[in-house]
């Protein structure tokens, strides 16, 4: 495929082959990546790191890497810093990149397509609320200072949020575990209004 084909998949709706061999219309891959980067499910005006925010750190990292690489490549090509959005920049590449740069940009954009698809097809990471562990009281652990708690809320087979009774949580700091009705202890540990956490944790 050409550079323009790659850019089209990244920035526009496009046809793709489903598992059953049929062709279906798919959203832009960059839009799918953005959607995977974060969801305010259960949060009321939640900000980054809030108890109600589900964040896919892998998707956020990949999105930032693509943005940084695109800006770097634009500067190498033109000697100028780009101030617009990523979609507009890639679409400009499709129509204005010199013949000298096109083979290289084809490889770069194909790498992004492969990376996004691999990320979207991988299992959804657990929700990591930034709240103290009810057992050990710690919020973060390890050299990267990641949140201790991991809540597994996604049903991969159904491709949907699992019923709350099937959710499971674990503290990576002290190895304590909770599931089903015991998730109420996570709600108690969260310093947020009762309703917010109940909506996310599925605890009444």
N, C-alpha and C. Protein backbone atom coordinates (compact mmCIF):
# COMPACT_ATOMS: atom_id res chain seq x y z
N UNK A 1 0.84 -1.20 0.00
CA UNK A 1 0.00 0.00 0.00
C UNK A 1 0.87 1.25 0.00
N UNK A 2 0.30 2.33 -0.45
CA UNK A 2 1.03 3.58 -0.58
C UNK A 2 0.93 4.40 0.71
N UNK A 3 1.69 5.48 0.74
CA UNK A 3 1.63 6.40 1.86
C UNK A 3 0.21 6.94 2.04
N UNK A 4 -0.42 7.31 0.93
CA UNK A 4 -1.78 7.85 1.04
C UNK A 4 -2.75 6.81 1.60
N UNK A 5 -2.56 5.52 1.25
CA UNK A 5 -3.40 4.46 1.82
C UNK A 5 -3.20 4.34 3.33
N UNK A 6 -1.95 4.41 3.76
CA UNK A 6 -1.66 4.32 5.19
C UNK A 6 -2.26 5.49 5.94
N UNK A 7 -2.10 6.69 5.39
CA UNK A 7 -2.64 7.88 6.04
C UNK A 7 -4.16 7.80 6.10
N UNK A 8 -4.76 7.26 5.05
CA UNK A 8 -6.22 7.12 5.03
C UNK A 8 -6.69 6.22 6.17
N UNK A 9 -6.03 5.10 6.39
CA UNK A 9 -6.41 4.20 7.48
C UNK A 9 -6.23 4.86 8.85
N UNK A 10 -5.20 5.67 8.97
CA UNK A 10 -4.92 6.32 10.25
C UNK A 10 -5.89 7.46 10.55
N UNK A 11 -6.37 8.15 9.52
CA UNK A 11 -7.09 9.41 9.75
C UNK A 11 -8.54 9.42 9.26
N UNK A 12 -8.98 8.39 8.54
CA UNK A 12 -10.34 8.37 8.00
C UNK A 12 -10.99 7.01 8.22
N UNK A 13 -12.34 7.00 8.13
CA UNK A 13 -13.04 5.72 8.10
C UNK A 13 -12.55 4.92 6.89
N UNK A 14 -12.45 3.61 7.05
CA UNK A 14 -11.92 2.79 5.96
C UNK A 14 -12.50 1.40 6.06
N UNK A 15 -12.39 0.65 4.98
CA UNK A 15 -12.88 -0.72 4.95
C UNK A 15 -11.79 -1.67 5.46
N UNK A 16 -12.19 -2.62 6.28
CA UNK A 16 -11.25 -3.61 6.79
C UNK A 16 -11.92 -4.97 6.83
N UNK A 17 -11.13 -6.02 6.84
CA UNK A 17 -11.68 -7.37 6.79
C UNK A 17 -11.96 -7.87 8.20
N UNK A 18 -13.18 -8.36 8.41
CA UNK A 18 -13.58 -8.90 9.70
C UNK A 18 -13.09 -10.34 9.83
N UNK A 19 -13.26 -10.91 11.04
CA UNK A 19 -12.80 -12.28 11.29
C UNK A 19 -13.49 -13.29 10.38
N UNK A 20 -14.74 -13.00 9.98
CA UNK A 20 -15.47 -13.96 9.14
C UNK A 20 -15.19 -13.79 7.65
N UNK A 21 -14.25 -12.89 7.32
CA UNK A 21 -13.88 -12.68 5.93
C UNK A 21 -14.63 -11.57 5.23
N UNK A 22 -15.69 -11.07 5.84
CA UNK A 22 -16.45 -9.97 5.24
C UNK A 22 -15.71 -8.65 5.45
N UNK A 23 -16.11 -7.64 4.70
CA UNK A 23 -15.50 -6.33 4.83
C UNK A 23 -16.46 -5.39 5.55
N UNK A 24 -15.92 -4.68 6.52
CA UNK A 24 -16.73 -3.76 7.32
C UNK A 24 -16.05 -2.40 7.36
N UNK A 25 -16.84 -1.37 7.65
CA UNK A 25 -16.28 -0.03 7.78
C UNK A 25 -15.72 0.15 9.18
N UNK A 26 -14.49 0.61 9.26
CA UNK A 26 -13.82 0.80 10.55
C UNK A 26 -13.52 2.28 10.77
N UNK A 27 -13.52 2.73 12.02
CA UNK A 27 -13.17 4.12 12.30
C UNK A 27 -11.68 4.37 12.07
N UNK A 28 -11.27 5.63 12.00
CA UNK A 28 -9.84 5.93 11.84
C UNK A 28 -9.03 5.29 12.97
N UNK A 29 -7.88 4.73 12.64
CA UNK A 29 -7.08 4.08 13.68
C UNK A 29 -6.62 5.05 14.77
N UNK A 30 -6.32 6.29 14.38
CA UNK A 30 -5.92 7.26 15.40
C UNK A 30 -7.08 7.59 16.33
N UNK A 31 -8.31 7.58 15.81
CA UNK A 31 -9.47 7.81 16.66
C UNK A 31 -9.68 6.64 17.62
N UNK A 32 -9.45 5.42 17.13
CA UNK A 32 -9.57 4.26 17.99
C UNK A 32 -8.50 4.29 19.09
N UNK A 33 -7.30 4.73 18.72
CA UNK A 33 -6.22 4.85 19.71
C UNK A 33 -6.59 5.88 20.76
N UNK A 34 -7.14 7.02 20.34
CA UNK A 34 -7.54 8.05 21.29
C UNK A 34 -8.62 7.52 22.23
N UNK A 35 -9.59 6.79 21.68
CA UNK A 35 -10.66 6.25 22.51
C UNK A 35 -10.11 5.25 23.53
N UNK A 36 -9.09 4.50 23.12
CA UNK A 36 -8.50 3.51 24.03
C UNK A 36 -7.63 4.15 25.10
N UNK A 37 -7.18 5.39 24.85
CA UNK A 37 -6.27 6.04 25.78
C UNK A 37 -6.92 6.38 27.11
N UNK A 38 -8.21 6.64 27.10
CA UNK A 38 -8.85 6.96 28.36
C UNK A 38 -10.35 7.01 28.24
N UNK A 39 -11.02 6.64 29.32
CA UNK A 39 -12.47 6.69 29.37
C UNK A 39 -12.89 7.21 30.73
N UNK A 40 -13.84 8.13 30.76
CA UNK A 40 -14.31 8.68 32.03
C UNK A 40 -15.48 7.87 32.58
N UNK A 41 -15.50 6.58 32.29
CA UNK A 41 -16.57 5.71 32.74
C UNK A 41 -16.75 5.83 34.26
N UNK A 42 -17.94 6.21 34.66
CA UNK A 42 -18.24 6.28 36.09
C UNK A 42 -17.74 7.52 36.78
N UNK A 43 -17.03 8.38 36.08
CA UNK A 43 -16.49 9.58 36.73
C UNK A 43 -17.40 10.76 36.47
N UNK A 44 -17.46 11.66 37.42
CA UNK A 44 -18.22 12.88 37.26
C UNK A 44 -17.23 14.04 37.20
N UNK A 45 -16.95 14.45 35.97
CA UNK A 45 -15.96 15.52 35.81
C UNK A 45 -14.58 15.09 36.24
N UNK A 46 -14.32 13.78 36.14
CA UNK A 46 -13.05 13.26 36.63
C UNK A 46 -11.87 13.76 35.83
N UNK A 47 -10.74 13.94 36.51
CA UNK A 47 -9.51 14.34 35.85
C UNK A 47 -8.56 13.17 35.81
N UNK A 48 -7.41 13.39 35.26
CA UNK A 48 -6.41 12.34 35.12
C UNK A 48 -6.02 11.79 36.48
N UNK A 49 -6.07 10.47 36.61
CA UNK A 49 -5.68 9.84 37.86
C UNK A 49 -6.78 9.78 38.88
N UNK A 50 -7.96 10.31 38.59
CA UNK A 50 -9.05 10.28 39.55
C UNK A 50 -9.57 8.88 39.74
N UNK A 51 -10.32 8.67 40.83
CA UNK A 51 -10.77 7.33 41.15
C UNK A 51 -11.69 6.77 40.09
N UNK A 52 -12.40 7.63 39.34
CA UNK A 52 -13.35 7.14 38.36
C UNK A 52 -12.79 7.06 36.96
N UNK A 53 -11.52 7.28 36.76
CA UNK A 53 -10.95 7.34 35.42
C UNK A 53 -10.25 6.04 35.07
N UNK A 54 -10.71 5.40 34.00
CA UNK A 54 -10.02 4.22 33.48
C UNK A 54 -9.06 4.69 32.41
N UNK A 55 -7.79 4.40 32.58
CA UNK A 55 -6.77 4.87 31.65
C UNK A 55 -5.95 3.69 31.16
N UNK A 56 -5.79 3.59 29.86
CA UNK A 56 -4.96 2.58 29.24
C UNK A 56 -3.58 3.21 29.01
N UNK A 57 -2.66 2.95 29.93
CA UNK A 57 -1.34 3.58 29.87
C UNK A 57 -0.59 3.19 28.60
N UNK A 58 -0.81 1.97 28.12
CA UNK A 58 -0.13 1.53 26.90
C UNK A 58 -0.59 2.35 25.71
N UNK A 59 -1.90 2.63 25.64
CA UNK A 59 -2.44 3.42 24.53
C UNK A 59 -1.95 4.86 24.62
N UNK A 60 -1.92 5.43 25.82
CA UNK A 60 -1.43 6.80 26.00
C UNK A 60 0.02 6.90 25.55
N UNK A 61 0.84 5.92 25.95
CA UNK A 61 2.26 5.92 25.58
C UNK A 61 2.41 5.84 24.06
N UNK A 62 1.64 4.96 23.42
CA UNK A 62 1.75 4.82 21.97
C UNK A 62 1.29 6.09 21.27
N UNK A 63 0.21 6.68 21.73
CA UNK A 63 -0.28 7.92 21.12
C UNK A 63 0.77 9.02 21.22
N UNK A 64 1.40 9.15 22.37
CA UNK A 64 2.44 10.18 22.55
C UNK A 64 3.66 9.90 21.68
N UNK A 65 4.01 8.62 21.53
CA UNK A 65 5.15 8.26 20.69
C UNK A 65 4.89 8.62 19.23
N UNK A 66 3.68 8.36 18.76
CA UNK A 66 3.33 8.67 17.38
C UNK A 66 3.37 10.17 17.16
N UNK A 67 2.80 10.93 18.07
CA UNK A 67 2.82 12.40 17.94
C UNK A 67 4.25 12.93 17.90
N UNK A 68 5.06 12.44 18.83
CA UNK A 68 6.44 12.92 18.89
C UNK A 68 7.22 12.57 17.64
N UNK A 69 7.03 11.35 17.13
CA UNK A 69 7.74 10.93 15.91
C UNK A 69 7.29 11.75 14.71
N UNK A 70 5.98 11.98 14.60
CA UNK A 70 5.47 12.75 13.46
C UNK A 70 6.03 14.17 13.45
N UNK A 71 6.06 14.79 14.62
CA UNK A 71 6.60 16.15 14.70
C UNK A 71 8.08 16.17 14.37
N UNK A 72 8.79 15.15 14.84
CA UNK A 72 10.23 15.06 14.56
C UNK A 72 10.50 14.87 13.07
N UNK A 73 9.72 14.00 12.44
CA UNK A 73 9.90 13.76 11.00
C UNK A 73 9.56 15.01 10.20
N UNK A 74 8.53 15.73 10.60
CA UNK A 74 8.17 16.96 9.90
C UNK A 74 9.31 17.97 9.98
N UNK A 75 9.92 18.09 11.15
CA UNK A 75 11.03 19.03 11.31
C UNK A 75 12.21 18.62 10.44
N UNK A 76 12.48 17.30 10.38
CA UNK A 76 13.58 16.83 9.53
C UNK A 76 13.33 17.14 8.06
N UNK A 77 12.07 17.04 7.64
CA UNK A 77 11.73 17.27 6.24
C UNK A 77 11.75 18.75 5.86
N UNK A 78 11.28 19.59 6.78
CA UNK A 78 11.03 20.99 6.43
C UNK A 78 11.92 21.99 7.14
N UNK A 79 12.49 21.58 8.28
CA UNK A 79 13.26 22.53 9.09
C UNK A 79 12.39 23.45 9.92
N UNK A 80 11.07 23.20 9.92
CA UNK A 80 10.12 24.03 10.67
C UNK A 80 9.36 23.18 11.68
N UNK A 81 9.01 23.79 12.81
CA UNK A 81 8.18 23.10 13.80
C UNK A 81 6.72 23.18 13.37
N UNK A 82 6.01 22.08 13.53
CA UNK A 82 4.60 22.04 13.15
C UNK A 82 3.73 22.37 14.35
N UNK A 83 2.74 23.23 14.15
CA UNK A 83 1.90 23.70 15.26
C UNK A 83 0.48 23.16 15.21
N UNK A 84 0.12 22.43 14.16
CA UNK A 84 -1.25 21.95 14.03
C UNK A 84 -1.46 20.58 14.65
N UNK A 85 -2.61 19.97 14.31
CA UNK A 85 -2.95 18.66 14.85
C UNK A 85 -2.31 17.53 14.07
N UNK A 86 -2.27 16.36 14.69
CA UNK A 86 -1.62 15.21 14.09
C UNK A 86 -2.33 14.75 12.82
N UNK A 87 -3.67 14.72 12.84
CA UNK A 87 -4.41 14.26 11.66
C UNK A 87 -4.10 15.14 10.46
N UNK A 88 -4.15 16.46 10.65
CA UNK A 88 -3.87 17.38 9.54
C UNK A 88 -2.45 17.22 9.03
N UNK A 89 -1.52 16.97 9.94
CA UNK A 89 -0.12 16.79 9.53
C UNK A 89 0.03 15.55 8.64
N UNK A 90 -0.55 14.43 9.06
CA UNK A 90 -0.42 13.21 8.28
C UNK A 90 -1.12 13.34 6.93
N UNK A 91 -2.27 13.99 6.92
CA UNK A 91 -2.97 14.18 5.65
C UNK A 91 -2.17 15.07 4.70
N UNK A 92 -1.41 16.02 5.25
CA UNK A 92 -0.53 16.84 4.42
C UNK A 92 0.61 15.99 3.84
N UNK A 93 1.12 15.03 4.63
CA UNK A 93 2.15 14.14 4.11
C UNK A 93 1.64 13.39 2.88
N UNK A 94 0.39 12.97 2.93
CA UNK A 94 -0.15 12.13 1.84
C UNK A 94 -0.18 12.85 0.51
N UNK A 95 -0.29 14.18 0.55
CA UNK A 95 -0.40 14.92 -0.72
C UNK A 95 0.84 15.75 -1.03
N UNK A 96 1.67 16.02 -0.03
CA UNK A 96 2.76 16.96 -0.26
C UNK A 96 4.16 16.40 -0.02
N UNK A 97 4.26 15.17 0.51
CA UNK A 97 5.60 14.63 0.77
C UNK A 97 6.35 14.42 -0.54
N UNK A 98 7.60 14.77 -0.56
CA UNK A 98 8.40 14.62 -1.78
C UNK A 98 8.61 13.15 -2.09
N UNK A 99 8.91 12.86 -3.34
CA UNK A 99 9.15 11.48 -3.75
C UNK A 99 10.33 10.87 -2.98
N UNK A 100 11.26 11.73 -2.56
CA UNK A 100 12.41 11.25 -1.78
C UNK A 100 11.98 10.72 -0.42
N UNK A 101 10.98 11.37 0.20
CA UNK A 101 10.54 11.01 1.54
C UNK A 101 9.46 9.94 1.56
N UNK A 102 8.73 9.77 0.48
CA UNK A 102 7.56 8.90 0.51
C UNK A 102 7.85 7.45 0.92
N UNK A 103 8.89 6.79 0.37
CA UNK A 103 9.13 5.40 0.81
C UNK A 103 9.41 5.29 2.31
N UNK A 104 10.15 6.27 2.82
CA UNK A 104 10.45 6.26 4.26
C UNK A 104 9.18 6.45 5.08
N UNK A 105 8.35 7.43 4.70
CA UNK A 105 7.12 7.69 5.43
C UNK A 105 6.12 6.55 5.31
N UNK A 106 6.17 5.83 4.21
CA UNK A 106 5.33 4.63 4.07
C UNK A 106 5.67 3.62 5.16
N UNK A 107 6.97 3.42 5.38
CA UNK A 107 7.39 2.46 6.41
C UNK A 107 7.00 2.94 7.80
N UNK A 108 7.18 4.25 8.05
CA UNK A 108 6.85 4.81 9.37
C UNK A 108 5.36 4.66 9.66
N UNK A 109 4.52 5.04 8.70
CA UNK A 109 3.08 4.98 8.94
C UNK A 109 2.58 3.53 9.02
N UNK A 110 3.23 2.62 8.28
CA UNK A 110 2.84 1.21 8.38
C UNK A 110 3.18 0.67 9.77
N UNK A 111 4.31 1.09 10.33
CA UNK A 111 4.66 0.70 11.70
C UNK A 111 3.59 1.16 12.67
N UNK A 112 3.09 2.39 12.49
CA UNK A 112 2.05 2.91 13.38
C UNK A 112 0.77 2.11 13.25
N UNK A 113 0.40 1.77 12.03
CA UNK A 113 -0.80 0.95 11.81
C UNK A 113 -0.66 -0.39 12.54
N UNK A 114 0.48 -1.03 12.37
CA UNK A 114 0.70 -2.33 13.01
C UNK A 114 0.69 -2.20 14.53
N UNK A 115 1.33 -1.15 15.06
CA UNK A 115 1.40 -0.95 16.51
C UNK A 115 0.02 -0.69 17.10
N UNK A 116 -0.78 0.14 16.42
CA UNK A 116 -2.13 0.44 16.92
C UNK A 116 -3.00 -0.80 16.90
N UNK A 117 -2.96 -1.53 15.81
CA UNK A 117 -3.78 -2.75 15.72
C UNK A 117 -3.37 -3.78 16.77
N UNK A 118 -2.08 -3.93 16.97
CA UNK A 118 -1.62 -4.88 17.99
C UNK A 118 -2.08 -4.46 19.37
N UNK A 119 -2.06 -3.16 19.65
CA UNK A 119 -2.50 -2.67 20.94
C UNK A 119 -3.99 -2.87 21.13
N UNK A 120 -4.78 -2.58 20.07
CA UNK A 120 -6.24 -2.70 20.17
C UNK A 120 -6.68 -4.16 20.32
N UNK A 121 -5.91 -5.08 19.74
CA UNK A 121 -6.28 -6.48 19.80
C UNK A 121 -5.79 -7.17 21.06
N UNK A 122 -4.90 -6.51 21.80
CA UNK A 122 -4.40 -7.12 23.02
C UNK A 122 -5.45 -6.99 24.12
N UNK A 123 -5.29 -7.77 25.16
CA UNK A 123 -6.26 -7.74 26.25
C UNK A 123 -6.24 -6.38 26.94
N UNK A 124 -7.43 -5.94 27.30
CA UNK A 124 -7.56 -4.64 27.94
C UNK A 124 -6.90 -4.67 29.32
N UNK A 125 -6.07 -3.67 29.63
CA UNK A 125 -5.39 -3.67 30.93
C UNK A 125 -6.38 -3.38 32.06
N UNK A 126 -6.02 -3.73 33.29
CA UNK A 126 -6.92 -3.48 34.41
C UNK A 126 -7.05 -1.98 34.69
N UNK A 127 -8.15 -1.64 35.32
CA UNK A 127 -8.33 -0.27 35.82
C UNK A 127 -7.46 -0.12 37.06
N UNK A 128 -6.70 0.97 37.14
CA UNK A 128 -5.82 1.21 38.28
C UNK A 128 -6.23 2.51 38.98
N UNK A 129 -7.18 2.42 39.91
CA UNK A 129 -7.61 3.63 40.63
C UNK A 129 -6.50 4.12 41.57
N UNK A 130 -6.33 5.40 41.63
CA UNK A 130 -5.29 5.98 42.49
C UNK A 130 -5.86 6.19 43.89
N UNK A 131 -6.14 5.07 44.55
CA UNK A 131 -6.68 5.12 45.92
C UNK A 131 -5.86 4.19 46.80
N UNK A 132 -5.87 4.40 48.12
CA UNK A 132 -5.08 3.53 49.01
C UNK A 132 -5.62 2.10 49.00
N UNK A 133 -4.72 1.15 49.12
CA UNK A 133 -5.12 -0.24 49.28
C UNK A 133 -5.79 -0.41 50.64
N UNK A 134 -6.97 -1.02 50.70
CA UNK A 134 -7.64 -1.20 51.99
C UNK A 134 -6.85 -2.07 52.95
N UNK A 135 -5.95 -2.93 52.44
CA UNK A 135 -5.20 -3.84 53.30
C UNK A 135 -3.91 -3.22 53.84
N UNK A 136 -3.10 -2.64 52.93
CA UNK A 136 -1.80 -2.12 53.37
C UNK A 136 -1.73 -0.60 53.45
N UNK A 137 -2.73 0.07 52.89
CA UNK A 137 -2.77 1.53 52.98
C UNK A 137 -1.93 2.26 51.96
N UNK A 138 -1.19 1.53 51.11
CA UNK A 138 -0.33 2.17 50.13
C UNK A 138 -1.11 2.48 48.85
N UNK A 139 -0.72 3.57 48.18
CA UNK A 139 -1.34 3.93 46.90
C UNK A 139 -0.45 3.56 45.72
N UNK A 140 0.88 3.63 45.90
CA UNK A 140 1.80 3.40 44.80
C UNK A 140 2.86 2.39 45.22
N UNK A 141 3.49 1.76 44.22
CA UNK A 141 4.53 0.78 44.53
C UNK A 141 5.54 0.75 43.40
N UNK A 142 6.71 0.18 43.71
CA UNK A 142 7.74 -0.04 42.70
C UNK A 142 8.46 1.22 42.29
N UNK A 143 9.55 1.06 41.53
CA UNK A 143 10.37 2.21 41.11
C UNK A 143 9.61 3.17 40.20
N UNK A 144 8.60 2.67 39.47
CA UNK A 144 7.82 3.53 38.58
C UNK A 144 6.69 4.24 39.31
N UNK A 145 6.50 3.90 40.60
CA UNK A 145 5.45 4.51 41.42
C UNK A 145 4.08 4.38 40.75
N UNK A 146 3.75 3.17 40.34
CA UNK A 146 2.46 2.89 39.73
C UNK A 146 1.42 2.63 40.81
N UNK A 147 0.13 2.89 40.51
CA UNK A 147 -0.90 2.59 41.50
C UNK A 147 -0.87 1.12 41.90
N UNK A 148 -1.05 0.87 43.20
CA UNK A 148 -0.99 -0.50 43.70
C UNK A 148 -2.15 -1.35 43.21
N UNK A 149 -3.34 -0.76 43.17
CA UNK A 149 -4.53 -1.55 42.91
C UNK A 149 -4.77 -1.77 41.42
N UNK A 150 -5.14 -2.99 41.08
CA UNK A 150 -5.50 -3.34 39.70
C UNK A 150 -6.86 -4.01 39.75
N UNK A 151 -7.84 -3.43 39.06
CA UNK A 151 -9.19 -3.97 39.04
C UNK A 151 -9.47 -4.53 37.65
N UNK A 152 -9.69 -5.83 37.57
CA UNK A 152 -9.97 -6.49 36.30
C UNK A 152 -11.48 -6.47 36.09
N UNK A 153 -11.92 -5.66 35.15
CA UNK A 153 -13.34 -5.37 34.97
C UNK A 153 -13.85 -5.77 33.59
N UNK A 154 -12.98 -6.20 32.69
CA UNK A 154 -13.36 -6.38 31.29
C UNK A 154 -13.54 -7.85 30.96
N UNK A 155 -14.59 -8.18 30.23
CA UNK A 155 -14.83 -9.53 29.75
C UNK A 155 -14.33 -9.60 28.30
N UNK A 156 -13.17 -10.23 28.09
CA UNK A 156 -12.57 -10.27 26.76
C UNK A 156 -13.43 -11.05 25.77
N UNK A 157 -14.09 -12.10 26.24
CA UNK A 157 -14.92 -12.91 25.34
C UNK A 157 -16.13 -12.13 24.84
N UNK A 158 -16.77 -11.40 25.75
CA UNK A 158 -17.95 -10.62 25.38
C UNK A 158 -17.60 -9.26 24.81
N UNK A 159 -16.31 -8.85 24.96
CA UNK A 159 -15.86 -7.53 24.53
C UNK A 159 -16.73 -6.44 25.16
N UNK A 160 -16.93 -6.57 26.46
CA UNK A 160 -17.75 -5.61 27.19
C UNK A 160 -17.34 -5.64 28.66
N UNK A 161 -17.80 -4.65 29.42
CA UNK A 161 -17.55 -4.64 30.85
C UNK A 161 -18.28 -5.81 31.48
N UNK A 162 -17.58 -6.59 32.29
CA UNK A 162 -18.18 -7.75 32.92
C UNK A 162 -19.15 -7.33 34.01
N UNK A 163 -20.10 -8.18 34.36
CA UNK A 163 -20.97 -7.88 35.51
C UNK A 163 -20.10 -7.67 36.75
N UNK A 164 -20.43 -6.69 37.58
CA UNK A 164 -19.58 -6.38 38.75
C UNK A 164 -19.27 -7.58 39.63
N UNK A 165 -20.18 -8.55 39.71
CA UNK A 165 -19.93 -9.71 40.56
C UNK A 165 -18.74 -10.52 40.07
N UNK A 166 -18.37 -10.34 38.79
CA UNK A 166 -17.23 -11.07 38.22
C UNK A 166 -15.93 -10.28 38.26
N UNK A 167 -15.99 -9.04 38.72
CA UNK A 167 -14.77 -8.24 38.80
C UNK A 167 -13.84 -8.81 39.87
N UNK A 168 -12.55 -8.57 39.69
CA UNK A 168 -11.55 -8.99 40.68
C UNK A 168 -10.51 -7.90 40.82
N UNK A 169 -10.02 -7.72 42.02
CA UNK A 169 -9.01 -6.68 42.27
C UNK A 169 -7.86 -7.27 43.08
N UNK A 170 -6.69 -6.71 42.86
CA UNK A 170 -5.51 -7.17 43.59
C UNK A 170 -4.59 -5.99 43.85
N UNK A 171 -3.93 -6.01 44.98
CA UNK A 171 -2.92 -5.01 45.29
C UNK A 171 -1.56 -5.58 44.90
N UNK A 172 -0.87 -4.90 44.00
CA UNK A 172 0.46 -5.36 43.58
C UNK A 172 1.52 -5.09 44.64
N UNK A 173 1.15 -4.31 45.66
CA UNK A 173 2.09 -4.03 46.74
C UNK A 173 2.12 -5.13 47.79
N UNK A 174 0.91 -5.52 48.29
CA UNK A 174 0.85 -6.50 49.38
C UNK A 174 0.21 -7.82 48.97
N UNK A 175 -0.28 -7.90 47.72
CA UNK A 175 -0.89 -9.12 47.16
C UNK A 175 -2.27 -9.43 47.72
N UNK A 176 -2.89 -8.52 48.45
CA UNK A 176 -4.27 -8.74 48.91
C UNK A 176 -5.19 -8.77 47.70
N UNK A 177 -6.28 -9.55 47.79
CA UNK A 177 -7.21 -9.70 46.67
C UNK A 177 -8.65 -9.52 47.14
N UNK A 178 -9.50 -9.03 46.21
CA UNK A 178 -10.92 -8.86 46.47
C UNK A 178 -11.70 -9.25 45.23
N UNK A 179 -12.94 -9.68 45.40
CA UNK A 179 -13.82 -9.93 44.27
C UNK A 179 -15.26 -9.84 44.73
N UNK A 180 -16.16 -9.74 43.75
CA UNK A 180 -17.58 -9.70 44.06
C UNK A 180 -17.95 -8.66 45.09
N UNK A 181 -18.69 -9.08 46.13
CA UNK A 181 -19.17 -8.16 47.16
C UNK A 181 -18.04 -7.53 47.95
N UNK A 182 -16.87 -8.19 47.98
CA UNK A 182 -15.75 -7.64 48.75
C UNK A 182 -15.19 -6.36 48.14
N UNK A 183 -15.59 -6.04 46.90
CA UNK A 183 -15.12 -4.80 46.28
C UNK A 183 -15.62 -3.57 47.03
N UNK A 184 -16.58 -3.76 47.95
CA UNK A 184 -17.05 -2.62 48.74
C UNK A 184 -15.91 -2.01 49.55
N UNK A 185 -14.87 -2.79 49.83
CA UNK A 185 -13.75 -2.24 50.59
C UNK A 185 -12.95 -1.25 49.75
N UNK A 186 -12.96 -1.42 48.45
CA UNK A 186 -12.31 -0.42 47.61
C UNK A 186 -13.09 0.87 47.64
N UNK A 187 -14.43 0.75 47.63
CA UNK A 187 -15.27 1.95 47.71
C UNK A 187 -15.00 2.69 49.02
N UNK A 188 -14.88 1.93 50.10
CA UNK A 188 -14.63 2.56 51.40
C UNK A 188 -13.27 3.24 51.44
N UNK A 189 -12.31 2.70 50.69
CA UNK A 189 -10.96 3.27 50.70
C UNK A 189 -10.86 4.53 49.86
N UNK A 190 -11.77 4.70 48.91
CA UNK A 190 -11.70 5.84 48.00
C UNK A 190 -12.20 7.10 48.68
N UNK A 191 -11.44 8.15 48.58
CA UNK A 191 -11.84 9.43 49.17
C UNK A 191 -12.65 10.22 48.16
N UNK A 192 -13.79 9.63 47.75
CA UNK A 192 -14.67 10.26 46.77
C UNK A 192 -16.10 10.05 47.23
N UNK A 193 -17.07 10.82 46.70
CA UNK A 193 -18.46 10.60 47.06
C UNK A 193 -18.86 9.15 46.79
N UNK A 194 -19.70 8.60 47.67
CA UNK A 194 -20.07 7.19 47.62
C UNK A 194 -20.62 6.80 46.24
N UNK A 195 -21.45 7.63 45.64
CA UNK A 195 -22.08 7.28 44.38
C UNK A 195 -21.09 7.13 43.26
N UNK A 196 -20.06 8.00 43.22
CA UNK A 196 -19.08 7.94 42.14
C UNK A 196 -18.39 6.59 42.10
N UNK A 197 -17.91 6.14 43.24
CA UNK A 197 -17.15 4.90 43.29
C UNK A 197 -18.08 3.71 43.10
N UNK A 198 -19.30 3.81 43.62
CA UNK A 198 -20.25 2.71 43.45
C UNK A 198 -20.55 2.48 41.98
N UNK A 199 -20.65 3.55 41.21
CA UNK A 199 -20.94 3.43 39.78
C UNK A 199 -19.80 2.71 39.07
N UNK A 200 -18.57 2.99 39.47
CA UNK A 200 -17.42 2.39 38.81
C UNK A 200 -17.16 0.98 39.34
N UNK A 201 -17.24 0.82 40.64
CA UNK A 201 -16.92 -0.48 41.24
C UNK A 201 -18.09 -1.44 41.21
N UNK A 202 -19.29 -0.94 40.89
CA UNK A 202 -20.45 -1.82 40.81
C UNK A 202 -20.89 -2.33 42.16
N UNK A 203 -20.67 -1.55 43.20
CA UNK A 203 -21.04 -1.97 44.55
C UNK A 203 -22.17 -1.09 45.03
N UNK A 204 -23.24 -1.65 45.53
CA UNK A 204 -24.37 -0.88 46.04
C UNK A 204 -24.23 -0.62 47.53
